[in-house]
């Protein structure tokens, strides 16, 4: 804006308007930064500072749904379950969780906002009310390959359909061949 104002090609009547516009934009930026600082200050007052490390015992927030068929009301169920162990910190806000019985088996990734430090007796751990299930797809099973010697005579031989020969080479089934343009002389 200053470069535009200082050039001689600018109409002098617009110069005062552009100066006031620059001042207004600067005031808006300052006001916006002040409100951001105030919002951050008030948000940080309610934030709990808690850093987790690998090996810490935590409770996990879980959200049970009510089920009238089983006569279960989520309103009366506990909001956290555990204890579980932090296996590894993936990022400063994400960690891998494992059960106390099997520390090598990962139960899933959780954000630190869903975790609460476990403050119980270190010798006796109550069992989880609703134990976590491993999240995600199960790993693919590798097919067992049968060699020619190990096949049993009771298995029927594998019959594959014969390969169809195309009517015209270069064409696939269902596609039409483009016609070449007709030239008139």
C-alpha atoms as a PDB file:
ATOM      1  CA  UNK A   1       0.000   0.000   0.000  1.00  0.00           C
ATOM      2  CA  UNK A   2       2.812   2.395   0.845  1.00  0.00           C
ATOM      3  CA  UNK A   3       4.381   1.840  -2.562  1.00  0.00           C
ATOM      4  CA  UNK A   4       1.098   2.751  -4.233  1.00  0.00           C
ATOM      5  CA  UNK A   5       0.648   5.850  -2.097  1.00  0.00           C
ATOM      6  CA  UNK A   6       4.174   7.171  -2.652  1.00  0.00           C
ATOM      7  CA  UNK A   7       4.079   6.898  -6.446  1.00  0.00           C
ATOM      8  CA  UNK A   8       3.436  10.060  -8.398  1.00  0.00           C
ATOM      9  CA  UNK A   9       0.900   8.436 -10.713  1.00  0.00           C
ATOM     10  CA  UNK A  10      -1.695   8.218  -7.965  1.00  0.00           C
ATOM     11  CA  UNK A  11      -4.535  10.709  -7.859  1.00  0.00           C
ATOM     12  CA  UNK A  12      -3.984  13.091  -4.937  1.00  0.00           C
ATOM     13  CA  UNK A  13      -7.623  12.919  -3.828  1.00  0.00           C
ATOM     14  CA  UNK A  14      -7.267   9.176  -3.105  1.00  0.00           C
ATOM     15  CA  UNK A  15      -4.123   9.525  -1.003  1.00  0.00           C
ATOM     16  CA  UNK A  16      -5.931  10.580   2.190  1.00  0.00           C
ATOM     17  CA  UNK A  17      -8.474   7.774   1.752  1.00  0.00           C
ATOM     18  CA  UNK A  18      -5.710   5.162   1.293  1.00  0.00           C
ATOM     19  CA  UNK A  19      -3.873   6.446   4.393  1.00  0.00           C
ATOM     20  CA  UNK A  20      -6.997   6.051   6.493  1.00  0.00           C
ATOM     21  CA  UNK A  21      -7.565   2.580   4.995  1.00  0.00           C
ATOM     22  CA  UNK A  22      -4.041   1.520   5.984  1.00  0.00           C
ATOM     23  CA  UNK A  23      -4.586   2.733   9.538  1.00  0.00           C
ATOM     24  CA  UNK A  24      -7.910   0.908   9.782  1.00  0.00           C
ATOM     25  CA  UNK A  25      -6.364  -2.341   8.561  1.00  0.00           C
ATOM     26  CA  UNK A  26      -3.557  -2.018  11.125  1.00  0.00           C
ATOM     27  CA  UNK A  27      -6.089  -1.449  13.926  1.00  0.00           C
ATOM     28  CA  UNK A  28      -8.038  -4.537  12.819  1.00  0.00           C
ATOM     29  CA  UNK A  29      -4.860  -6.662  12.907  1.00  0.00           C
ATOM     30  CA  UNK A  30      -3.987  -5.407  16.396  1.00  0.00           C
ATOM     31  CA  UNK A  31      -7.501  -6.041  17.714  1.00  0.00           C
ATOM     32  CA  UNK A  32      -7.561  -9.533  16.219  1.00  0.00           C
ATOM     33  CA  UNK A  33      -4.206 -10.430  17.818  1.00  0.00           C
ATOM     34  CA  UNK A  34      -5.404  -9.145  21.208  1.00  0.00           C
ATOM     35  CA  UNK A  35      -8.561 -11.260  21.066  1.00  0.00           C
ATOM     36  CA  UNK A  36      -6.503 -14.317  20.078  1.00  0.00           C
ATOM     37  CA  UNK A  37      -4.242 -13.774  23.087  1.00  0.00           C
ATOM     38  CA  UNK A  38      -7.243 -13.427  25.416  1.00  0.00           C
ATOM     39  CA  UNK A  39      -8.876 -16.590  24.071  1.00  0.00           C
ATOM     40  CA  UNK A  40      -5.628 -18.525  24.488  1.00  0.00           C
ATOM     41  CA  UNK A  41      -5.224 -17.261  28.059  1.00  0.00           C
ATOM     42  CA  UNK A  42      -8.716 -18.395  29.067  1.00  0.00           C
ATOM     43  CA  UNK A  43      -8.437 -21.709  27.237  1.00  0.00           C
ATOM     44  CA  UNK A  44      -5.123 -22.486  28.953  1.00  0.00           C
ATOM     45  CA  UNK A  45      -6.671 -21.919  32.388  1.00  0.00           C
ATOM     46  CA  UNK A  46      -8.998 -24.902  31.915  1.00  0.00           C
ATOM     47  CA  UNK A  47      -6.387 -27.122  30.247  1.00  0.00           C
ATOM     48  CA  UNK A  48      -4.773 -29.731  32.422  1.00  0.00           C
ATOM     49  CA  UNK A  49      -1.073 -30.169  31.881  1.00  0.00           C
ATOM     50  CA  UNK A  50      -0.292 -33.861  31.763  1.00  0.00           C
ATOM     51  CA  UNK A  51       2.575 -35.473  29.937  1.00  0.00           C
ATOM     52  CA  UNK A  52       2.655 -39.204  29.431  1.00  0.00           C
ATOM     53  CA  UNK A  53       5.647 -41.473  28.950  1.00  0.00           C
ATOM     54  CA  UNK A  54       6.065 -45.065  27.839  1.00  0.00           C
ATOM     55  CA  UNK A  55       5.242 -47.408  30.718  1.00  0.00           C
ATOM     56  CA  UNK A  56       2.707 -45.112  32.422  1.00  0.00           C
ATOM     57  CA  UNK A  57      -0.570 -46.645  33.517  1.00  0.00           C
ATOM     58  CA  UNK A  58      -3.659 -44.841  32.225  1.00  0.00           C
ATOM     59  CA  UNK A  59      -7.441 -45.027  32.106  1.00  0.00           C
ATOM     60  CA  UNK A  60      -9.093 -44.689  28.707  1.00  0.00           C
ATOM     61  CA  UNK A  61     -12.312 -42.770  28.047  1.00  0.00           C
ATOM     62  CA  UNK A  62     -14.859 -44.908  26.291  1.00  0.00           C
ATOM     63  CA  UNK A  63     -18.317 -44.092  25.093  1.00  0.00           C
ATOM     64  CA  UNK A  64     -20.785 -46.890  25.596  1.00  0.00           C
ATOM     65  CA  UNK A  65     -24.119 -46.687  23.819  1.00  0.00           C
ATOM     66  CA  UNK A  66     -27.386 -47.473  25.549  1.00  0.00           C
ATOM     67  CA  UNK A  67     -29.111 -50.687  24.490  1.00  0.00           C
ATOM     68  CA  UNK A  68     -32.716 -51.195  25.539  1.00  0.00           C
ATOM     69  CA  UNK A  69     -32.712 -54.806  24.329  1.00  0.00           C
ATOM     70  CA  UNK A  70     -29.998 -55.688  26.838  1.00  0.00           C
ATOM     71  CA  UNK A  71     -31.436 -53.278  29.413  1.00  0.00           C
ATOM     72  CA  UNK A  72     -28.174 -51.309  29.491  1.00  0.00           C
ATOM     73  CA  UNK A  73     -28.077 -47.575  30.160  1.00  0.00           C
ATOM     74  CA  UNK A  74     -24.860 -45.761  29.333  1.00  0.00           C
ATOM     75  CA  UNK A  75     -25.762 -43.043  31.820  1.00  0.00           C
ATOM     76  CA  UNK A  76     -24.910 -45.361  34.712  1.00  0.00           C
ATOM     77  CA  UNK A  77     -21.789 -46.942  33.229  1.00  0.00           C
ATOM     78  CA  UNK A  78     -18.313 -45.689  34.146  1.00  0.00           C
ATOM     79  CA  UNK A  79     -16.816 -43.183  31.736  1.00  0.00           C
ATOM     80  CA  UNK A  80     -13.257 -44.553  31.910  1.00  0.00           C
ATOM     81  CA  UNK A  81     -11.854 -48.045  31.960  1.00  0.00           C
ATOM     82  CA  UNK A  82      -8.487 -49.544  32.702  1.00  0.00           C
ATOM     83  CA  UNK A  83      -5.775 -49.544  33.734  1.00  0.00           C
ATOM     84  CA  UNK A  84      -3.795 -49.942  30.544  1.00  0.00           C
ATOM     85  CA  UNK A  85      -0.130 -49.293  29.828  1.00  0.00           C
ATOM     86  CA  UNK A  86       1.349 -46.839  27.349  1.00  0.00           C
ATOM     87  CA  UNK A  87       3.496 -48.984  25.114  1.00  0.00           C
ATOM     88  CA  UNK A  88       5.064 -46.218  23.032  1.00  0.00           C
ATOM     89  CA  UNK A  89       4.602 -42.507  22.347  1.00  0.00           C
ATOM     90  CA  UNK A  90       4.118 -42.184  18.577  1.00  0.00           C
ATOM     91  CA  UNK A  91       3.863 -38.386  18.656  1.00  0.00           C
ATOM     92  CA  UNK A  92       3.670 -35.978  21.608  1.00  0.00           C
ATOM     93  CA  UNK A  93      -0.142 -36.308  21.488  1.00  0.00           C
ATOM     94  CA  UNK A  94      -0.632 -39.911  20.271  1.00  0.00           C
ATOM     95  CA  UNK A  95       0.355 -43.117  22.029  1.00  0.00           C
ATOM     96  CA  UNK A  96       0.073 -46.868  21.579  1.00  0.00           C
ATOM     97  CA  UNK A  97      -1.842 -48.650  24.354  1.00  0.00           C
ATOM     98  CA  UNK A  98      -1.406 -52.246  25.508  1.00  0.00           C
ATOM     99  CA  UNK A  99      -3.028 -54.325  28.233  1.00  0.00           C
ATOM    100  CA  UNK A 100      -1.314 -55.165  31.522  1.00  0.00           C
ATOM    101  CA  UNK A 101      -1.375 -58.893  30.775  1.00  0.00           C
ATOM    102  CA  UNK A 102       0.340 -58.716  27.375  1.00  0.00           C
ATOM    103  CA  UNK A 103       2.639 -55.711  27.083  1.00  0.00           C
ATOM    104  CA  UNK A 104       3.763 -56.621  23.555  1.00  0.00           C
ATOM    105  CA  UNK A 105       0.275 -56.701  22.009  1.00  0.00           C
ATOM    106  CA  UNK A 106      -0.912 -53.259  20.903  1.00  0.00           C
ATOM    107  CA  UNK A 107      -4.571 -52.475  21.597  1.00  0.00           C
ATOM    108  CA  UNK A 108      -4.690 -49.303  19.501  1.00  0.00           C
ATOM    109  CA  UNK A 109      -3.623 -45.677  19.117  1.00  0.00           C
ATOM    110  CA  UNK A 110      -5.181 -43.069  21.372  1.00  0.00           C
ATOM    111  CA  UNK A 111      -4.952 -39.302  21.680  1.00  0.00           C
ATOM    112  CA  UNK A 112      -3.790 -37.982  25.048  1.00  0.00           C
ATOM    113  CA  UNK A 113      -7.110 -36.163  25.481  1.00  0.00           C
ATOM    114  CA  UNK A 114      -8.791 -39.594  25.858  1.00  0.00           C
ATOM    115  CA  UNK A 115      -6.342 -40.685  28.589  1.00  0.00           C
ATOM    116  CA  UNK A 116      -6.356 -40.078  32.322  1.00  0.00           C
ATOM    117  CA  UNK A 117      -3.419 -41.013  34.578  1.00  0.00           C
ATOM    118  CA  UNK A 118      -4.131 -44.064  36.741  1.00  0.00           C
ATOM    119  CA  UNK A 119      -3.777 -43.171  40.422  1.00  0.00           C
ATOM    120  CA  UNK A 120      -4.444 -46.479  42.112  1.00  0.00           C
ATOM    121  CA  UNK A 121      -2.594 -49.023  44.204  1.00  0.00           C
ATOM    122  CA  UNK A 122       0.414 -50.248  42.273  1.00  0.00           C
ATOM    123  CA  UNK A 123       0.088 -53.845  43.552  1.00  0.00           C
ATOM    124  CA  UNK A 124      -3.547 -54.628  42.772  1.00  0.00           C
ATOM    125  CA  UNK A 125      -5.071 -53.686  39.461  1.00  0.00           C
ATOM    126  CA  UNK A 126      -8.816 -54.123  39.027  1.00  0.00           C
ATOM    127  CA  UNK A 127      -9.777 -55.858  35.811  1.00  0.00           C
ATOM    128  CA  UNK A 128     -11.240 -53.621  33.091  1.00  0.00           C
ATOM    129  CA  UNK A 129     -15.039 -53.510  33.071  1.00  0.00           C
ATOM    130  CA  UNK A 130     -15.254 -53.519  29.263  1.00  0.00           C
ATOM    131  CA  UNK A 131     -11.871 -54.766  28.031  1.00  0.00           C
ATOM    132  CA  UNK A 132     -10.618 -53.087  24.890  1.00  0.00           C
ATOM    133  CA  UNK A 133     -10.620 -55.018  21.675  1.00  0.00           C
ATOM    134  CA  UNK A 134      -7.865 -54.581  19.178  1.00  0.00           C
ATOM    135  CA  UNK A 135      -8.981 -51.923  16.727  1.00  0.00           C
ATOM    136  CA  UNK A 136      -8.596 -52.159  12.970  1.00  0.00           C
ATOM    137  CA  UNK A 137      -8.639 -54.979  10.489  1.00  0.00           C
ATOM    138  CA  UNK A 138      -7.229 -58.351  11.413  1.00  0.00           C
ATOM    139  CA  UNK A 139      -4.014 -59.243   9.593  1.00  0.00           C
ATOM    140  CA  UNK A 140      -4.353 -61.151   6.360  1.00  0.00           C
ATOM    141  CA  UNK A 141      -3.758 -64.857   6.611  1.00  0.00           C
ATOM    142  CA  UNK A 142      -1.203 -66.284   4.241  1.00  0.00           C
ATOM    143  CA  UNK A 143      -2.689 -68.998   2.025  1.00  0.00           C
ATOM    144  CA  UNK A 144      -1.168 -72.399   2.480  1.00  0.00           C
ATOM    145  CA  UNK A 145       0.394 -73.509  -0.780  1.00  0.00           C
ATOM    146  CA  UNK A 146       0.057 -77.192  -1.634  1.00  0.00           C
ATOM    147  CA  UNK A 147       2.851 -78.672  -3.635  1.00  0.00           C
ATOM    148  CA  UNK A 148       2.200 -81.286  -6.321  1.00  0.00           C
ATOM    149  CA  UNK A 149       3.516 -84.055  -4.042  1.00  0.00           C
ATOM    150  CA  UNK A 150       1.353 -83.111  -1.051  1.00  0.00           C
ATOM    151  CA  UNK A 151      -1.998 -83.000  -2.864  1.00  0.00           C
ATOM    152  CA  UNK A 152      -4.285 -85.786  -1.793  1.00  0.00           C
ATOM    153  CA  UNK A 153      -5.928 -88.048  -4.381  1.00  0.00           C
ATOM    154  CA  UNK A 154      -9.340 -87.170  -2.923  1.00  0.00           C
ATOM    155  CA  UNK A 155      -9.075 -83.520  -4.069  1.00  0.00           C
ATOM    156  CA  UNK A 156     -10.633 -82.954  -7.491  1.00  0.00           C
ATOM    157  CA  UNK A 157      -8.310 -81.476 -10.086  1.00  0.00           C
ATOM    158  CA  UNK A 158      -8.595 -77.754 -10.710  1.00  0.00           C
ATOM    159  CA  UNK A 159     -10.360 -77.117 -14.008  1.00  0.00           C
ATOM    160  CA  UNK A 160      -9.837 -73.739 -15.594  1.00  0.00           C
ATOM    161  CA  UNK A 161     -12.130 -72.445 -18.316  1.00  0.00           C
ATOM    162  CA  UNK A 162     -10.595 -72.414 -21.791  1.00  0.00           C
ATOM    163  CA  UNK A 163      -9.210 -69.146 -23.055  1.00  0.00           C
ATOM    164  CA  UNK A 164     -11.466 -67.623 -25.706  1.00  0.00           C
ATOM    165  CA  UNK A 165      -9.836 -66.567 -28.909  1.00  0.00           C
ATOM    166  CA  UNK A 166     -10.869 -63.108 -30.036  1.00  0.00           C
ATOM    167  CA  UNK A 167     -12.644 -62.745 -33.353  1.00  0.00           C
ATOM    168  CA  UNK A 168     -10.213 -60.041 -34.379  1.00  0.00           C
ATOM    169  CA  UNK A 169      -6.857 -59.588 -32.689  1.00  0.00           C
ATOM    170  CA  UNK A 170      -6.391 -56.271 -30.916  1.00  0.00           C
ATOM    171  CA  UNK A 171     -10.049 -55.910 -29.917  1.00  0.00           C
ATOM    172  CA  UNK A 172     -11.427 -56.572 -26.488  1.00  0.00           C
ATOM    173  CA  UNK A 173     -14.862 -57.908 -25.945  1.00  0.00           C
ATOM    174  CA  UNK A 174     -17.561 -55.236 -25.812  1.00  0.00           C
ATOM    175  CA  UNK A 175     -15.536 -52.450 -27.401  1.00  0.00           C
ATOM    176  CA  UNK A 176     -16.177 -51.158 -30.860  1.00  0.00           C
ATOM    177  CA  UNK A 177     -13.427 -50.411 -33.240  1.00  0.00           C
ATOM    178  CA  UNK A 178     -13.156 -46.794 -34.346  1.00  0.00           C
ATOM    179  CA  UNK A 179     -13.977 -46.250 -37.961  1.00  0.00           C
ATOM    180  CA  UNK A 180     -11.398 -44.498 -40.014  1.00  0.00           C
ATOM    181  CA  UNK A 181     -12.561 -41.226 -41.549  1.00  0.00           C
ATOM    182  CA  UNK A 182     -13.833 -41.501 -45.109  1.00  0.00           C
ATOM    183  CA  UNK A 183     -11.942 -39.403 -47.630  1.00  0.00           C
ATOM    184  CA  UNK A 184     -13.634 -38.209 -50.784  1.00  0.00           C
ATOM    185  CA  UNK A 185     -11.588 -37.284 -53.758  1.00  0.00           C
END
